[in-house]
Amino acid sequence: MAQALIDLERELRALQMWTVEPPDARRLASGEPFCVDTLDFEEWLQWVFVPRMSDLIAQRGLLPGAAQLAPMGEQAFVHLGRRQQPLLLLLARIDQLSRQLT
C-alpha cells in the first residue's frame, strides 16, 4: 500500500494536480464522503487520503475497509480523457489492496 500511495502522488504530480498550499481547515473539516462539498477529488486524495493512510501504515494501524476510490475517480477525472487511465488504474489498485489488507 505504501508504494501505491507513492505512485499516486507521482501520478497526480505528473498531471499537475498536486498543489503546494493546503486548503483551509474549514474545507478539510467537511463531514461528507471525500469532502465532496468542499474539495476537488484530487485535493481530497492529496490532503486527506494520502496523509491518513500514510499515518496508519507508519503506525501499523488497521486500514479502513474497501476504499472505493476508482468509481469516484472515474467521475472526477473524466475531463482528463485518456490521460486519466494511469490514475484510474492506480486508484483501482489501491481499492484492491484496501480489500486485501482489511
N, C-alpha and C. Protein backbone atom coordinates (compact mmCIF):
# COMPACT_ATOMS: atom_id res chain seq x y z
N MET A 1 0.83 -1.19 0.00
CA MET A 1 0.00 0.00 0.00
C MET A 1 0.87 1.25 0.00
N ALA A 2 1.96 1.22 0.75
CA ALA A 2 2.84 2.39 0.81
C ALA A 2 3.34 2.76 -0.58
N GLN A 3 3.72 1.77 -1.38
CA GLN A 3 4.20 2.05 -2.73
C GLN A 3 3.07 2.61 -3.60
N ALA A 4 1.88 2.10 -3.43
CA ALA A 4 0.74 2.61 -4.20
C ALA A 4 0.48 4.08 -3.89
N LEU A 5 0.64 4.48 -2.63
CA LEU A 5 0.46 5.88 -2.26
C LEU A 5 1.54 6.76 -2.89
N ILE A 6 2.76 6.25 -2.92
CA ILE A 6 3.86 6.98 -3.58
C ILE A 6 3.56 7.13 -5.07
N ASP A 7 3.09 6.05 -5.68
CA ASP A 7 2.74 6.09 -7.10
C ASP A 7 1.59 7.07 -7.37
N LEU A 8 0.63 7.11 -6.46
CA LEU A 8 -0.49 8.04 -6.60
C LEU A 8 0.01 9.48 -6.57
N GLU A 9 0.87 9.79 -5.63
CA GLU A 9 1.43 11.14 -5.57
C GLU A 9 2.18 11.47 -6.86
N ARG A 10 2.99 10.55 -7.33
CA ARG A 10 3.76 10.78 -8.55
C ARG A 10 2.83 11.04 -9.74
N GLU A 11 1.76 10.28 -9.85
CA GLU A 11 0.84 10.46 -10.98
C GLU A 11 0.09 11.79 -10.87
N LEU A 12 -0.34 12.15 -9.68
CA LEU A 12 -1.00 13.45 -9.50
C LEU A 12 -0.06 14.60 -9.84
N ARG A 13 1.20 14.45 -9.47
CA ARG A 13 2.20 15.48 -9.82
C ARG A 13 2.38 15.55 -11.33
N ALA A 14 2.47 14.40 -11.98
CA ALA A 14 2.66 14.37 -13.43
C ALA A 14 1.50 15.04 -14.15
N LEU A 15 0.31 14.94 -13.58
CA LEU A 15 -0.87 15.56 -14.17
C LEU A 15 -1.06 17.00 -13.70
N GLN A 16 -0.10 17.49 -12.94
CA GLN A 16 -0.12 18.85 -12.38
C GLN A 16 -1.36 19.07 -11.51
N MET A 17 -1.69 18.04 -10.73
CA MET A 17 -2.84 18.10 -9.84
C MET A 17 -2.42 18.07 -8.37
N TRP A 18 -1.14 18.16 -8.11
CA TRP A 18 -0.59 18.16 -6.76
C TRP A 18 -0.25 19.60 -6.42
N THR A 19 -0.77 20.11 -5.33
CA THR A 19 -0.58 21.52 -5.00
C THR A 19 0.35 21.70 -3.81
N VAL A 20 0.88 22.91 -3.67
CA VAL A 20 1.80 23.24 -2.59
C VAL A 20 1.05 23.71 -1.35
N GLU A 21 0.03 24.52 -1.57
CA GLU A 21 -0.72 25.12 -0.47
C GLU A 21 -1.93 24.26 -0.11
N PRO A 22 -2.06 23.89 1.16
CA PRO A 22 -3.23 23.11 1.56
C PRO A 22 -4.50 23.97 1.57
N PRO A 23 -5.64 23.33 1.41
CA PRO A 23 -6.90 24.06 1.56
C PRO A 23 -7.04 24.52 3.01
N ASP A 24 -7.87 25.53 3.24
CA ASP A 24 -8.04 25.99 4.62
C ASP A 24 -8.75 24.92 5.45
N ALA A 25 -8.58 25.01 6.75
CA ALA A 25 -9.07 23.99 7.69
C ALA A 25 -10.57 23.77 7.56
N ARG A 26 -11.31 24.81 7.29
CA ARG A 26 -12.77 24.70 7.15
C ARG A 26 -13.13 23.74 6.01
N ARG A 27 -12.41 23.84 4.90
CA ARG A 27 -12.68 22.96 3.76
C ARG A 27 -12.30 21.52 4.06
N LEU A 28 -11.27 21.33 4.85
CA LEU A 28 -10.82 19.98 5.21
C LEU A 28 -11.73 19.32 6.24
N ALA A 29 -12.53 20.11 6.93
CA ALA A 29 -13.36 19.60 8.03
C ALA A 29 -14.72 19.08 7.58
N SER A 30 -14.96 18.99 6.30
CA SER A 30 -16.25 18.52 5.80
C SER A 30 -16.57 17.13 6.34
N GLY A 31 -17.82 16.90 6.60
CA GLY A 31 -18.27 15.58 7.04
C GLY A 31 -18.75 14.70 5.91
N GLU A 32 -18.76 15.23 4.71
CA GLU A 32 -19.23 14.48 3.54
C GLU A 32 -18.15 13.50 3.06
N PRO A 33 -18.56 12.36 2.48
CA PRO A 33 -17.57 11.45 1.91
C PRO A 33 -16.70 12.19 0.87
N PHE A 34 -15.43 11.94 0.92
CA PHE A 34 -14.45 12.56 0.01
C PHE A 34 -14.46 14.09 0.11
N CYS A 35 -15.04 14.65 1.17
CA CYS A 35 -15.19 16.12 1.30
C CYS A 35 -15.76 16.70 0.00
N VAL A 36 -16.69 15.97 -0.59
CA VAL A 36 -17.20 16.30 -1.91
C VAL A 36 -17.83 17.69 -1.97
N ASP A 37 -18.27 18.20 -0.83
CA ASP A 37 -18.91 19.52 -0.83
C ASP A 37 -17.91 20.67 -0.71
N THR A 38 -16.64 20.35 -0.40
CA THR A 38 -15.67 21.43 -0.18
C THR A 38 -14.36 21.28 -0.95
N LEU A 39 -14.04 20.07 -1.40
CA LEU A 39 -12.76 19.82 -2.07
C LEU A 39 -12.97 19.15 -3.42
N ASP A 40 -12.06 19.41 -4.34
CA ASP A 40 -11.99 18.59 -5.54
C ASP A 40 -11.41 17.24 -5.13
N PHE A 41 -11.72 16.20 -5.89
CA PHE A 41 -11.28 14.86 -5.51
C PHE A 41 -9.76 14.77 -5.38
N GLU A 42 -9.03 15.41 -6.29
CA GLU A 42 -7.56 15.36 -6.19
C GLU A 42 -7.07 16.06 -4.93
N GLU A 43 -7.76 17.09 -4.49
CA GLU A 43 -7.39 17.75 -3.22
C GLU A 43 -7.62 16.80 -2.06
N TRP A 44 -8.75 16.11 -2.08
CA TRP A 44 -9.05 15.15 -1.01
C TRP A 44 -7.99 14.05 -0.99
N LEU A 45 -7.62 13.53 -2.16
CA LEU A 45 -6.58 12.50 -2.21
C LEU A 45 -5.29 13.01 -1.59
N GLN A 46 -4.88 14.21 -1.97
CA GLN A 46 -3.61 14.76 -1.50
C GLN A 46 -3.62 15.13 -0.03
N TRP A 47 -4.65 15.82 0.41
CA TRP A 47 -4.64 16.42 1.74
C TRP A 47 -5.35 15.61 2.81
N VAL A 48 -6.14 14.60 2.41
CA VAL A 48 -6.85 13.78 3.40
C VAL A 48 -6.43 12.31 3.28
N PHE A 49 -6.66 11.71 2.13
CA PHE A 49 -6.45 10.27 1.98
C PHE A 49 -5.00 9.86 2.14
N VAL A 50 -4.11 10.44 1.35
CA VAL A 50 -2.70 10.03 1.40
C VAL A 50 -2.10 10.23 2.80
N PRO A 51 -2.29 11.39 3.45
CA PRO A 51 -1.73 11.54 4.80
C PRO A 51 -2.30 10.56 5.81
N ARG A 52 -3.62 10.34 5.78
CA ARG A 52 -4.23 9.42 6.74
C ARG A 52 -3.74 8.00 6.54
N MET A 53 -3.71 7.57 5.28
CA MET A 53 -3.25 6.21 5.01
C MET A 53 -1.77 6.06 5.35
N SER A 54 -0.97 7.06 5.05
CA SER A 54 0.46 7.01 5.38
C SER A 54 0.66 6.91 6.88
N ASP A 55 -0.12 7.67 7.64
CA ASP A 55 -0.03 7.60 9.10
C ASP A 55 -0.42 6.22 9.62
N LEU A 56 -1.50 5.66 9.09
CA LEU A 56 -1.92 4.33 9.52
C LEU A 56 -0.85 3.29 9.21
N ILE A 57 -0.25 3.39 8.05
CA ILE A 57 0.80 2.44 7.67
C ILE A 57 2.00 2.60 8.59
N ALA A 58 2.41 3.84 8.86
CA ALA A 58 3.57 4.09 9.72
C ALA A 58 3.33 3.58 11.14
N GLN A 59 2.09 3.68 11.60
CA GLN A 59 1.75 3.24 12.96
C GLN A 59 1.34 1.77 13.00
N ARG A 60 1.36 1.15 11.83
CA ARG A 60 0.93 -0.24 11.69
C ARG A 60 -0.50 -0.43 12.20
N GLY A 61 -1.31 0.57 11.95
CA GLY A 61 -2.71 0.54 12.36
C GLY A 61 -3.56 -0.24 11.39
N LEU A 62 -4.79 -0.47 11.80
CA LEU A 62 -5.74 -1.15 10.93
C LEU A 62 -6.18 -0.19 9.83
N LEU A 63 -6.15 -0.68 8.63
CA LEU A 63 -6.60 0.13 7.50
C LEU A 63 -8.12 0.08 7.43
N PRO A 64 -8.74 1.16 6.97
CA PRO A 64 -10.20 1.14 6.83
C PRO A 64 -10.61 0.15 5.75
N GLY A 65 -11.88 -0.13 5.65
CA GLY A 65 -12.39 -1.07 4.66
C GLY A 65 -12.13 -0.61 3.24
N ALA A 66 -12.74 -1.30 2.31
CA ALA A 66 -12.55 -1.02 0.88
C ALA A 66 -12.71 0.46 0.59
N ALA A 67 -11.74 1.02 -0.09
CA ALA A 67 -11.69 2.46 -0.31
C ALA A 67 -12.70 2.96 -1.34
N GLN A 68 -12.94 2.21 -2.39
CA GLN A 68 -13.85 2.62 -3.46
C GLN A 68 -13.45 3.95 -4.10
N LEU A 69 -12.16 4.11 -4.35
CA LEU A 69 -11.65 5.33 -4.97
C LEU A 69 -11.87 5.37 -6.48
N ALA A 70 -11.75 4.22 -7.13
CA ALA A 70 -11.83 4.18 -8.60
C ALA A 70 -13.16 4.72 -9.13
N PRO A 71 -14.31 4.33 -8.57
CA PRO A 71 -15.56 4.89 -9.09
C PRO A 71 -15.63 6.41 -8.96
N MET A 72 -15.14 6.93 -7.85
CA MET A 72 -15.13 8.39 -7.68
C MET A 72 -14.17 9.03 -8.68
N GLY A 73 -13.01 8.39 -8.88
CA GLY A 73 -12.05 8.90 -9.84
C GLY A 73 -12.58 8.93 -11.26
N GLU A 74 -13.37 7.92 -11.62
CA GLU A 74 -13.95 7.88 -12.97
C GLU A 74 -14.82 9.11 -13.22
N GLN A 75 -15.54 9.53 -12.21
CA GLN A 75 -16.39 10.73 -12.35
C GLN A 75 -15.56 12.00 -12.27
N ALA A 76 -14.67 12.06 -11.29
CA ALA A 76 -13.93 13.29 -11.02
C ALA A 76 -12.92 13.63 -12.12
N PHE A 77 -12.38 12.62 -12.77
CA PHE A 77 -11.30 12.86 -13.72
C PHE A 77 -11.71 12.66 -15.18
N VAL A 78 -13.00 12.62 -15.44
CA VAL A 78 -13.48 12.43 -16.81
C VAL A 78 -12.94 13.51 -17.75
N HIS A 79 -12.72 14.69 -17.23
CA HIS A 79 -12.21 15.80 -18.05
C HIS A 79 -10.79 15.54 -18.58
N LEU A 80 -10.10 14.57 -18.00
CA LEU A 80 -8.74 14.27 -18.45
C LEU A 80 -8.71 13.41 -19.71
N GLY A 81 -9.84 12.84 -20.07
CA GLY A 81 -9.87 11.96 -21.23
C GLY A 81 -8.96 10.76 -21.03
N ARG A 82 -8.20 10.41 -22.05
CA ARG A 82 -7.33 9.23 -21.97
C ARG A 82 -6.22 9.39 -20.94
N ARG A 83 -5.88 10.62 -20.59
CA ARG A 83 -4.81 10.84 -19.61
C ARG A 83 -5.21 10.36 -18.22
N GLN A 84 -6.50 10.08 -18.00
CA GLN A 84 -6.93 9.62 -16.70
C GLN A 84 -6.62 8.14 -16.46
N GLN A 85 -6.34 7.39 -17.51
CA GLN A 85 -6.22 5.94 -17.38
C GLN A 85 -5.18 5.49 -16.37
N PRO A 86 -3.93 5.98 -16.40
CA PRO A 86 -2.97 5.54 -15.38
C PRO A 86 -3.42 5.87 -13.96
N LEU A 87 -4.05 7.02 -13.79
CA LEU A 87 -4.54 7.42 -12.48
C LEU A 87 -5.67 6.48 -12.02
N LEU A 88 -6.58 6.16 -12.91
CA LEU A 88 -7.67 5.25 -12.55
C LEU A 88 -7.15 3.85 -12.23
N LEU A 89 -6.13 3.41 -12.93
CA LEU A 89 -5.54 2.10 -12.62
C LEU A 89 -4.92 2.10 -11.23
N LEU A 90 -4.27 3.20 -10.86
CA LEU A 90 -3.71 3.32 -9.51
C LEU A 90 -4.80 3.31 -8.45
N LEU A 91 -5.86 4.03 -8.70
CA LEU A 91 -6.97 4.06 -7.73
C LEU A 91 -7.59 2.67 -7.59
N ALA A 92 -7.72 1.95 -8.70
CA ALA A 92 -8.25 0.59 -8.64
C ALA A 92 -7.30 -0.33 -7.87
N ARG A 93 -6.00 -0.12 -8.05
CA ARG A 93 -5.02 -0.93 -7.30
C ARG A 93 -5.14 -0.65 -5.80
N ILE A 94 -5.30 0.62 -5.44
CA ILE A 94 -5.47 0.96 -4.02
C ILE A 94 -6.75 0.34 -3.48
N ASP A 95 -7.83 0.37 -4.27
CA ASP A 95 -9.08 -0.27 -3.85
C ASP A 95 -8.85 -1.76 -3.59
N GLN A 96 -8.15 -2.41 -4.51
CA GLN A 96 -7.89 -3.84 -4.36
C GLN A 96 -7.05 -4.12 -3.12
N LEU A 97 -6.00 -3.33 -2.93
CA LEU A 97 -5.15 -3.51 -1.75
C LEU A 97 -5.92 -3.27 -0.46
N SER A 98 -6.80 -2.28 -0.47
CA SER A 98 -7.56 -1.99 0.75
C SER A 98 -8.51 -3.14 1.09
N ARG A 99 -9.02 -3.82 0.08
CA ARG A 99 -9.87 -5.00 0.35
C ARG A 99 -9.03 -6.15 0.89
N GLN A 100 -7.83 -6.33 0.36
CA GLN A 100 -6.97 -7.44 0.78
C GLN A 100 -6.40 -7.23 2.17
N LEU A 101 -6.15 -5.99 2.55
CA LEU A 101 -5.46 -5.71 3.81
C LEU A 101 -6.39 -5.47 4.99
N THR A 102 -7.69 -5.55 4.77
CA THR A 102 -8.61 -5.34 5.89
C THR A 102 -9.16 -6.65 6.39
